[in-house]
């Protein structure tokens, strides 16, 4: 009987250590999943920002083309407009890029 009571305390310590080890493994796995999720969210944010900027640029060009189409359409006398005077400073790619990136 004495031998059995002596191993009871050691068994309790071993079980507690194994439980702590399993808890540490579960905690490490959950932290890793959390970090991966956070990184994925950051990547999605960057992708959405790039998509929105691209769509903004496309919409700007569509708007300009629609304006040019309106200008080039036939007027009330059914005559086409031969010349259009445009301000070249508004057509520079750098200005369009700066506006899209803002």
N, C-alpha and C. Protein backbone atom coordinates (compact mmCIF):
# COMPACT_ATOMS: atom_id res chain seq x y z
N UNK A 1 0.80 -1.19 0.00
CA UNK A 1 0.00 0.00 0.00
C UNK A 1 0.85 1.27 0.00
N UNK A 2 1.98 1.19 0.67
CA UNK A 2 2.82 2.36 0.75
C UNK A 2 3.37 2.76 -0.63
N UNK A 3 3.68 1.80 -1.46
CA UNK A 3 4.22 2.09 -2.79
C UNK A 3 3.17 2.77 -3.67
N UNK A 4 1.95 2.36 -3.51
CA UNK A 4 0.89 2.96 -4.32
C UNK A 4 0.66 4.42 -3.96
N UNK A 5 0.66 4.77 -2.74
CA UNK A 5 0.46 6.16 -2.33
C UNK A 5 1.65 7.02 -2.72
N UNK A 6 2.81 6.47 -2.84
CA UNK A 6 3.98 7.25 -3.24
C UNK A 6 3.91 7.62 -4.72
N UNK A 7 3.36 6.76 -5.57
CA UNK A 7 3.26 7.07 -7.00
C UNK A 7 2.04 7.92 -7.33
N UNK A 8 1.10 8.04 -6.41
CA UNK A 8 -0.09 8.84 -6.68
C UNK A 8 0.28 10.31 -6.89
N UNK A 9 1.15 10.83 -6.08
CA UNK A 9 1.58 12.24 -6.23
C UNK A 9 2.36 12.45 -7.51
N UNK A 10 3.20 11.50 -7.88
CA UNK A 10 3.99 11.62 -9.11
C UNK A 10 3.08 11.57 -10.34
N UNK A 11 2.06 10.72 -10.27
CA UNK A 11 1.12 10.63 -11.38
C UNK A 11 0.37 11.94 -11.58
N UNK A 12 0.00 12.57 -10.49
CA UNK A 12 -0.70 13.86 -10.57
C UNK A 12 0.19 14.91 -11.22
N UNK A 13 1.45 14.93 -10.86
CA UNK A 13 2.37 15.91 -11.46
C UNK A 13 2.55 15.64 -12.95
N UNK A 14 2.70 14.38 -13.34
CA UNK A 14 2.85 14.04 -14.76
C UNK A 14 1.60 14.43 -15.54
N UNK A 15 0.43 14.15 -14.99
CA UNK A 15 -0.82 14.50 -15.68
C UNK A 15 -0.94 16.01 -15.82
N UNK A 16 -0.59 16.77 -14.78
CA UNK A 16 -0.65 18.24 -14.85
C UNK A 16 0.32 18.78 -15.91
N UNK A 17 1.53 18.21 -15.96
CA UNK A 17 2.51 18.65 -16.96
C UNK A 17 2.02 18.34 -18.38
N UNK A 18 1.45 17.16 -18.59
CA UNK A 18 0.92 16.83 -19.92
C UNK A 18 -0.25 17.73 -20.30
N UNK A 19 -1.09 18.06 -19.32
CA UNK A 19 -2.21 18.96 -19.59
C UNK A 19 -1.71 20.34 -19.97
N UNK A 20 -0.71 20.84 -19.26
CA UNK A 20 -0.12 22.14 -19.60
C UNK A 20 0.52 22.11 -20.99
N UNK A 21 1.17 21.01 -21.31
CA UNK A 21 1.78 20.89 -22.64
C UNK A 21 0.72 20.93 -23.74
N UNK A 22 -0.37 20.21 -23.53
CA UNK A 22 -1.45 20.21 -24.53
C UNK A 22 -2.08 21.60 -24.63
N UNK A 23 -2.24 22.29 -23.52
CA UNK A 23 -2.79 23.65 -23.53
C UNK A 23 -1.87 24.59 -24.30
N UNK A 24 -0.55 24.44 -24.12
CA UNK A 24 0.42 25.28 -24.83
C UNK A 24 0.34 25.03 -26.34
N UNK A 25 0.18 23.78 -26.74
CA UNK A 25 0.07 23.45 -28.16
C UNK A 25 -1.19 24.08 -28.76
N UNK A 26 -2.31 23.97 -28.05
CA UNK A 26 -3.56 24.56 -28.54
C UNK A 26 -3.45 26.07 -28.62
N UNK A 27 -2.84 26.69 -27.62
CA UNK A 27 -2.66 28.14 -27.62
C UNK A 27 -1.77 28.59 -28.77
N UNK A 28 -0.68 27.88 -29.02
CA UNK A 28 0.21 28.22 -30.13
C UNK A 28 -0.51 28.09 -31.47
N UNK A 29 -1.31 27.05 -31.63
CA UNK A 29 -2.04 26.88 -32.89
C UNK A 29 -3.06 27.98 -33.09
N UNK A 30 -3.75 28.36 -32.04
CA UNK A 30 -4.76 29.42 -32.19
C UNK A 30 -4.11 30.77 -32.46
N UNK A 31 -2.95 31.02 -31.87
CA UNK A 31 -2.24 32.27 -32.15
C UNK A 31 -1.76 32.30 -33.60
N UNK A 32 -1.30 31.17 -34.08
CA UNK A 32 -0.83 31.11 -35.47
C UNK A 32 -1.98 31.36 -36.45
N UNK A 33 -3.14 30.78 -36.16
CA UNK A 33 -4.30 31.02 -37.01
C UNK A 33 -4.74 32.48 -36.95
N UNK A 34 -4.67 33.08 -35.78
CA UNK A 34 -5.03 34.49 -35.64
C UNK A 34 -4.11 35.39 -36.44
N UNK A 35 -2.81 35.12 -36.39
CA UNK A 35 -1.85 35.92 -37.16
C UNK A 35 -2.05 35.75 -38.66
N UNK A 36 -2.33 34.53 -39.08
CA UNK A 36 -2.58 34.28 -40.51
C UNK A 36 -3.83 35.01 -40.96
N UNK A 37 -4.84 35.04 -40.14
CA UNK A 37 -6.08 35.74 -40.46
C UNK A 37 -5.83 37.23 -40.57
N UNK A 38 -5.03 37.77 -39.65
CA UNK A 38 -4.73 39.20 -39.69
C UNK A 38 -3.95 39.56 -40.95
N UNK A 39 -3.01 38.73 -41.33
CA UNK A 39 -2.23 38.98 -42.54
C UNK A 39 -3.12 38.90 -43.77
N UNK A 40 -4.03 37.94 -43.80
CA UNK A 40 -4.96 37.80 -44.92
C UNK A 40 -5.85 39.02 -45.03
N UNK A 41 -6.28 39.56 -43.91
CA UNK A 41 -7.11 40.76 -43.92
C UNK A 41 -6.33 41.94 -44.48
N UNK A 42 -5.07 42.06 -44.11
CA UNK A 42 -4.24 43.15 -44.65
C UNK A 42 -4.05 43.01 -46.15
N UNK A 43 -3.85 41.79 -46.62
CA UNK A 43 -3.71 41.57 -48.06
C UNK A 43 -4.99 41.94 -48.80
N UNK A 44 -6.13 41.56 -48.24
CA UNK A 44 -7.40 41.88 -48.87
C UNK A 44 -7.62 43.38 -48.92
N UNK A 45 -7.20 44.10 -47.89
CA UNK A 45 -7.34 45.55 -47.88
C UNK A 45 -6.53 46.18 -49.01
N UNK A 46 -5.30 45.71 -49.18
CA UNK A 46 -4.45 46.24 -50.25
C UNK A 46 -5.04 45.92 -51.62
N UNK A 47 -5.58 44.73 -51.77
CA UNK A 47 -6.20 44.36 -53.05
C UNK A 47 -7.40 45.23 -53.35
N UNK A 48 -8.24 45.46 -52.34
CA UNK A 48 -9.43 46.29 -52.54
C UNK A 48 -9.05 47.73 -52.86
N UNK A 49 -8.02 48.25 -52.21
CA UNK A 49 -7.59 49.62 -52.50
C UNK A 49 -7.11 49.73 -53.94
N UNK A 50 -6.35 48.76 -54.40
CA UNK A 50 -5.87 48.77 -55.79
C UNK A 50 -7.04 48.67 -56.76
N UNK A 51 -8.00 47.83 -56.45
CA UNK A 51 -9.16 47.67 -57.32
C UNK A 51 -9.97 48.97 -57.38
N UNK A 52 -10.18 49.60 -56.24
CA UNK A 52 -10.95 50.85 -56.21
C UNK A 52 -10.24 51.95 -56.98
N UNK A 53 -8.92 52.03 -56.86
CA UNK A 53 -8.17 53.03 -57.61
C UNK A 53 -8.27 52.78 -59.11
N UNK A 54 -8.18 51.52 -59.51
CA UNK A 54 -8.29 51.19 -60.93
C UNK A 54 -9.68 51.52 -61.46
N UNK A 55 -10.71 51.19 -60.69
CA UNK A 55 -12.08 51.49 -61.12
C UNK A 55 -12.31 52.99 -61.19
N UNK A 56 -11.70 53.75 -60.27
CA UNK A 56 -11.82 55.20 -60.31
C UNK A 56 -11.20 55.75 -61.59
N UNK A 57 -10.04 55.25 -61.95
CA UNK A 57 -9.39 55.69 -63.19
C UNK A 57 -10.21 55.35 -64.42
N UNK A 58 -10.77 54.14 -64.43
CA UNK A 58 -11.61 53.73 -65.56
C UNK A 58 -12.84 54.62 -65.66
N UNK A 59 -13.46 54.91 -64.52
CA UNK A 59 -14.65 55.76 -64.53
C UNK A 59 -14.32 57.18 -64.97
N UNK A 60 -13.14 57.67 -64.59
CA UNK A 60 -12.72 59.00 -65.04
C UNK A 60 -12.57 59.04 -66.55
N UNK A 61 -11.93 58.03 -67.10
CA UNK A 61 -11.74 57.97 -68.55
C UNK A 61 -13.09 57.83 -69.26
N UNK A 62 -13.98 56.99 -68.72
CA UNK A 62 -15.32 56.86 -69.32
C UNK A 62 -16.05 58.18 -69.33
N UNK A 63 -15.94 58.91 -68.24
CA UNK A 63 -16.61 60.21 -68.15
C UNK A 63 -16.05 61.17 -69.20
N UNK A 64 -14.74 61.17 -69.32
CA UNK A 64 -14.13 62.06 -70.34
C UNK A 64 -14.55 61.64 -71.75
N UNK A 65 -14.54 60.33 -72.01
CA UNK A 65 -14.95 59.87 -73.34
C UNK A 65 -16.40 60.21 -73.62
N UNK A 66 -17.26 60.10 -72.59
CA UNK A 66 -18.67 60.45 -72.76
C UNK A 66 -18.80 61.95 -73.07
N UNK A 67 -17.99 62.78 -72.41
CA UNK A 67 -18.01 64.22 -72.68
C UNK A 67 -17.56 64.50 -74.11
N UNK A 68 -16.51 63.81 -74.55
CA UNK A 68 -16.03 64.01 -75.92
C UNK A 68 -17.07 63.54 -76.93
N UNK A 69 -17.72 62.44 -76.64
CA UNK A 69 -18.76 61.95 -77.53
C UNK A 69 -19.89 62.97 -77.65
N UNK A 70 -20.23 63.58 -76.53
CA UNK A 70 -21.28 64.60 -76.55
C UNK A 70 -20.83 65.79 -77.39
N UNK A 71 -19.58 66.18 -77.25
CA UNK A 71 -19.07 67.31 -78.02
C UNK A 71 -19.00 67.00 -79.51
N UNK A 72 -18.70 65.75 -79.84
CA UNK A 72 -18.56 65.38 -81.24
C UNK A 72 -19.90 65.00 -81.89
N UNK A 73 -20.93 64.88 -81.11
CA UNK A 73 -22.22 64.51 -81.68
C UNK A 73 -22.74 65.63 -82.57
N UNK A 74 -23.66 65.27 -83.40
CA UNK A 74 -24.21 66.27 -84.32
C UNK A 74 -25.02 67.30 -83.53
N UNK A 75 -24.88 68.54 -83.96
CA UNK A 75 -25.61 69.60 -83.27
C UNK A 75 -27.04 69.70 -83.82
N UNK A 76 -27.74 70.74 -83.46
CA UNK A 76 -29.15 70.88 -83.85
C UNK A 76 -29.35 71.03 -85.36
N UNK A 77 -28.36 71.54 -86.03
CA UNK A 77 -28.46 71.70 -87.49
C UNK A 77 -27.98 70.46 -88.22
N UNK A 78 -27.77 69.38 -87.48
CA UNK A 78 -27.32 68.12 -88.03
C UNK A 78 -25.93 68.23 -88.68
N UNK A 79 -25.11 69.09 -88.12
CA UNK A 79 -23.75 69.25 -88.59
C UNK A 79 -22.80 68.73 -87.52
N UNK A 80 -21.76 68.06 -87.96
CA UNK A 80 -20.80 67.55 -86.99
C UNK A 80 -19.80 68.64 -86.64
N UNK A 81 -19.31 68.57 -85.44
CA UNK A 81 -18.31 69.53 -84.98
C UNK A 81 -16.96 69.07 -85.54
N UNK A 82 -16.28 69.98 -86.21
CA UNK A 82 -15.04 69.62 -86.87
C UNK A 82 -13.85 69.75 -85.91
N UNK A 83 -13.83 70.80 -85.13
CA UNK A 83 -12.68 71.04 -84.25
C UNK A 83 -13.16 71.18 -82.80
N UNK A 84 -12.35 70.67 -81.93
CA UNK A 84 -12.60 70.83 -80.49
C UNK A 84 -11.34 71.41 -79.89
N UNK A 85 -11.52 72.44 -79.12
CA UNK A 85 -10.36 73.02 -78.45
C UNK A 85 -10.32 72.46 -77.03
N UNK A 86 -9.22 71.74 -76.72
CA UNK A 86 -9.08 71.14 -75.40
C UNK A 86 -7.88 71.75 -74.69
N UNK A 87 -8.00 71.84 -73.40
CA UNK A 87 -6.90 72.33 -72.57
C UNK A 87 -5.92 71.19 -72.35
N UNK A 88 -4.71 71.27 -72.90
CA UNK A 88 -3.77 70.16 -72.77
C UNK A 88 -3.33 69.90 -71.32
N UNK A 89 -3.45 70.92 -70.46
CA UNK A 89 -3.01 70.71 -69.08
C UNK A 89 -3.91 69.73 -68.34
N UNK A 90 -5.14 69.54 -68.80
CA UNK A 90 -6.03 68.59 -68.13
C UNK A 90 -5.87 67.18 -68.67
N UNK A 91 -5.09 67.00 -69.71
CA UNK A 91 -4.97 65.69 -70.33
C UNK A 91 -3.65 64.98 -69.99
N UNK A 92 -2.83 65.58 -69.15
CA UNK A 92 -1.55 64.96 -68.83
C UNK A 92 -1.76 63.73 -67.95
N UNK A 93 -1.08 62.62 -68.27
CA UNK A 93 -1.22 61.39 -67.48
C UNK A 93 -0.85 61.57 -66.01
N UNK A 94 0.12 62.45 -65.75
CA UNK A 94 0.54 62.65 -64.36
C UNK A 94 -0.60 63.23 -63.53
N UNK A 95 -1.38 64.14 -64.11
CA UNK A 95 -2.51 64.71 -63.38
C UNK A 95 -3.59 63.67 -63.12
N UNK A 96 -3.85 62.84 -64.13
CA UNK A 96 -4.85 61.79 -63.96
C UNK A 96 -4.39 60.81 -62.89
N UNK A 97 -3.10 60.45 -62.91
CA UNK A 97 -2.57 59.51 -61.92
C UNK A 97 -2.64 60.10 -60.52
N UNK A 98 -2.29 61.38 -60.37
CA UNK A 98 -2.36 62.03 -59.06
C UNK A 98 -3.78 62.09 -58.55
N UNK A 99 -4.72 62.33 -59.43
CA UNK A 99 -6.11 62.39 -59.01
C UNK A 99 -6.61 61.02 -58.57
N UNK A 100 -6.19 59.98 -59.29
CA UNK A 100 -6.62 58.62 -58.94
C UNK A 100 -6.02 58.19 -57.61
N UNK A 101 -4.75 58.55 -57.37
CA UNK A 101 -4.08 58.13 -56.16
C UNK A 101 -4.52 58.92 -54.93
N UNK A 102 -5.17 60.03 -55.13
CA UNK A 102 -5.61 60.86 -53.98
C UNK A 102 -6.72 60.20 -53.21
